[in-house]
Structures are given as structure tokens and as C-alpha cells.
Amino acid sequence: MTVGEGITHIEKMQLVGSLIAQGDSDTCGCPEEEWVFGMFRVSIHLEPEQRGDIFIDCGDWQDDKTVACDSIEELREKAADWALSIPILDI
């Protein structure tokens, strides 16, 4: 058995973040998830048109972007990559 074989995508992603909430949007029914990656709370929203929205919040600063993706798994990975690529000043 290789490392990672037999685990779900969410279990794999929880190696780099923590899943806080998962469900469908109350307004449109699209899949949504909330994660914590590093110092950031990250919300993802999968749209039906092969795209997804990523929202990053760290209290005093927020940012968002729309990315091309074919699945919630791909959107999770893009959200983690973006959040973990943001430099943090550790004082």
C-alpha cells in the first residue's frame, strides 16, 4: 500500500488544513466548504460553470478570487495552494 492510498480527498487535505464546515449554499445550492489553512480562514464555493470562488479572511485583511476548476477537490487544492503561498510575518 502506498502513502495516501485508501484515504478520502478530505482526509488528504486535512494534512495541510482543517475542515470547519461543509454543505450546500442556502442561496443557490452550490457546494461550499470552510477550511483553516495556516493563519487563514478560507471559504470555497463551487459554481456550476467549471469555476469556483475562494475567499480568504484573516481578520484585518480579506481577499478573494475566482479560479477555473472541474471539481470540489480541485477547488480545495487551489484554495490551499493560494492560502499557503501567502507570506506571513512571524514576529
C-alpha atoms as a PDB file:
ATOM      1  CA  MET A   1       0.000   0.000   0.000  1.00  0.00           C
ATOM      2  CA  THR A   2       1.360   3.435  -0.914  1.00  0.00           C
ATOM      3  CA  VAL A   3       1.060   6.506   1.269  1.00  0.00           C
ATOM      4  CA  GLY A   4      -2.360   8.089   0.800  1.00  0.00           C
ATOM      5  CA  GLU A   5      -3.942   5.031  -0.772  1.00  0.00           C
ATOM      6  CA  GLY A   6      -7.426   4.355   0.570  1.00  0.00           C
ATOM      7  CA  ILE A   7      -7.995   7.761   2.176  1.00  0.00           C
ATOM      8  CA  THR A   8     -10.557  10.301   1.016  1.00  0.00           C
ATOM      9  CA  HIS A   9      -9.626  13.614  -0.541  1.00  0.00           C
ATOM     10  CA  ILE A  10     -10.838  15.444   2.576  1.00  0.00           C
ATOM     11  CA  GLU A  11      -8.599  13.275   4.782  1.00  0.00           C
ATOM     12  CA  LYS A  12      -5.667  14.071   2.482  1.00  0.00           C
ATOM     13  CA  MET A  13      -6.430  17.802   2.609  1.00  0.00           C
ATOM     14  CA  GLN A  14      -6.649  17.696   6.410  1.00  0.00           C
ATOM     15  CA  LEU A  15      -2.923  17.007   6.420  1.00  0.00           C
ATOM     16  CA  VAL A  16      -2.452  20.682   5.471  1.00  0.00           C
ATOM     17  CA  GLY A  17      -5.651  22.258   6.846  1.00  0.00           C
ATOM     18  CA  SER A  18      -8.744  21.777   8.986  1.00  0.00           C
ATOM     19  CA  LEU A  19     -12.253  21.369   7.610  1.00  0.00           C
ATOM     20  CA  ILE A  20     -14.638  23.574   9.623  1.00  0.00           C
ATOM     21  CA  ALA A  21     -17.915  23.243   7.713  1.00  0.00           C
ATOM     22  CA  GLN A  22     -19.244  21.555   4.593  1.00  0.00           C
ATOM     23  CA  GLY A  23     -22.603  21.755   2.847  1.00  0.00           C
ATOM     24  CA  ASP A  24     -24.644  23.405   0.140  1.00  0.00           C
ATOM     25  CA  SER A  25     -25.222  27.150  -0.162  1.00  0.00           C
ATOM     26  CA  ASP A  26     -28.511  28.342   1.330  1.00  0.00           C
ATOM     27  CA  THR A  27     -28.973  30.758  -1.566  1.00  0.00           C
ATOM     28  CA  CYS A  28     -28.044  28.738  -4.656  1.00  0.00           C
ATOM     29  CA  GLY A  29     -27.467  25.127  -3.573  1.00  0.00           C
ATOM     30  CA  CYS A  30     -23.846  25.018  -4.783  1.00  0.00           C
ATOM     31  CA  PRO A  31     -21.285  23.082  -2.696  1.00  0.00           C
ATOM     32  CA  GLU A  32     -19.454  25.199  -0.108  1.00  0.00           C
ATOM     33  CA  GLU A  33     -16.764  24.458   2.457  1.00  0.00           C
ATOM     34  CA  GLU A  34     -14.895  26.375   5.153  1.00  0.00           C
ATOM     35  CA  TRP A  35     -11.287  25.492   5.967  1.00  0.00           C
ATOM     36  CA  VAL A  36      -8.424  26.809   8.039  1.00  0.00           C
ATOM     37  CA  PHE A  37      -5.113  26.776   6.179  1.00  0.00           C
ATOM     38  CA  GLY A  38      -2.241  28.200   8.187  1.00  0.00           C
ATOM     39  CA  MET A  39      -3.378  31.540   9.625  1.00  0.00           C
ATOM     40  CA  PHE A  40      -6.313  31.930   7.241  1.00  0.00           C
ATOM     41  CA  ARG A  41      -9.973  31.049   7.320  1.00  0.00           C
ATOM     42  CA  VAL A  42     -10.844  30.040   3.759  1.00  0.00           C
ATOM     43  CA  SER A  43     -14.292  29.626   2.229  1.00  0.00           C
ATOM     44  CA  ILE A  44     -14.743  27.922  -1.122  1.00  0.00           C
ATOM     45  CA  HIS A  45     -17.832  27.912  -3.338  1.00  0.00           C
ATOM     46  CA  LEU A  46     -18.067  25.664  -6.403  1.00  0.00           C
ATOM     47  CA  GLU A  47     -20.037  27.179  -9.285  1.00  0.00           C
ATOM     48  CA  PRO A  48     -21.644  25.003 -11.977  1.00  0.00           C
ATOM     49  CA  GLU A  49     -19.738  26.703 -14.844  1.00  0.00           C
ATOM     50  CA  GLN A  50     -16.359  24.974 -14.195  1.00  0.00           C
ATOM     51  CA  ARG A  51     -15.214  27.673 -11.812  1.00  0.00           C
ATOM     52  CA  GLY A  52     -15.071  28.300  -8.105  1.00  0.00           C
ATOM     53  CA  ASP A  53     -14.704  31.183  -5.700  1.00  0.00           C
ATOM     54  CA  ILE A  54     -12.095  31.309  -2.940  1.00  0.00           C
ATOM     55  CA  PHE A  55     -12.464  33.756  -0.050  1.00  0.00           C
ATOM     56  CA  ILE A  56      -9.576  34.261   2.415  1.00  0.00           C
ATOM     57  CA  ASP A  57     -10.066  36.057   5.737  1.00  0.00           C
ATOM     58  CA  CYS A  58      -7.537  36.697   8.481  1.00  0.00           C
ATOM     59  CA  GLY A  59      -9.397  39.368  10.427  1.00  0.00           C
ATOM     60  CA  ASP A  60      -7.889  42.672   9.327  1.00  0.00           C
ATOM     61  CA  TRP A  61      -7.377  41.524   5.742  1.00  0.00           C
ATOM     62  CA  GLN A  62      -9.556  39.694   3.240  1.00  0.00           C
ATOM     63  CA  ASP A  63      -9.141  38.718  -0.389  1.00  0.00           C
ATOM     64  CA  ASP A  64     -10.982  36.621  -2.925  1.00  0.00           C
ATOM     65  CA  LYS A  65     -10.587  35.270  -6.403  1.00  0.00           C
ATOM     66  CA  THR A  66     -12.347  33.088  -8.934  1.00  0.00           C
ATOM     67  CA  VAL A  67     -10.467  30.127 -10.407  1.00  0.00           C
ATOM     68  CA  ALA A  68     -11.129  27.590 -13.127  1.00  0.00           C
ATOM     69  CA  CYS A  69     -11.849  24.123 -11.707  1.00  0.00           C
ATOM     70  CA  ASP A  70     -13.750  20.972 -12.605  1.00  0.00           C
ATOM     71  CA  SER A  71     -14.486  19.633  -9.115  1.00  0.00           C
ATOM     72  CA  ILE A  72     -14.659  20.482  -5.421  1.00  0.00           C
ATOM     73  CA  GLU A  73     -11.441  18.504  -4.967  1.00  0.00           C
ATOM     74  CA  GLU A  74      -9.598  20.695  -7.457  1.00  0.00           C
ATOM     75  CA  LEU A  75     -11.046  23.833  -5.843  1.00  0.00           C
ATOM     76  CA  ARG A  76      -9.861  22.660  -2.382  1.00  0.00           C
ATOM     77  CA  GLU A  77      -6.336  22.172  -3.705  1.00  0.00           C
ATOM     78  CA  LYS A  78      -6.260  25.582  -5.385  1.00  0.00           C
ATOM     79  CA  ALA A  79      -7.545  27.227  -2.197  1.00  0.00           C
ATOM     80  CA  ALA A  80      -4.867  25.513  -0.083  1.00  0.00           C
ATOM     81  CA  ASP A  81      -2.122  26.384  -2.585  1.00  0.00           C
ATOM     82  CA  TRP A  82      -3.154  30.046  -2.592  1.00  0.00           C
ATOM     83  CA  ALA A  83      -3.558  30.357   1.188  1.00  0.00           C
ATOM     84  CA  LEU A  84      -0.293  28.579   1.946  1.00  0.00           C
ATOM     85  CA  SER A  85       1.606  30.694  -0.607  1.00  0.00           C
ATOM     86  CA  ILE A  86       0.818  33.987   1.160  1.00  0.00           C
ATOM     87  CA  PRO A  87       3.834  35.152   3.173  1.00  0.00           C
ATOM     88  CA  ILE A  88       3.280  35.569   6.907  1.00  0.00           C
ATOM     89  CA  LEU A  89       5.384  37.902   9.010  1.00  0.00           C
ATOM     90  CA  ASP A  90       6.222  35.979  12.167  1.00  0.00           C
ATOM     91  CA  ILE A  91       7.339  38.481  14.801  1.00  0.00           C
END
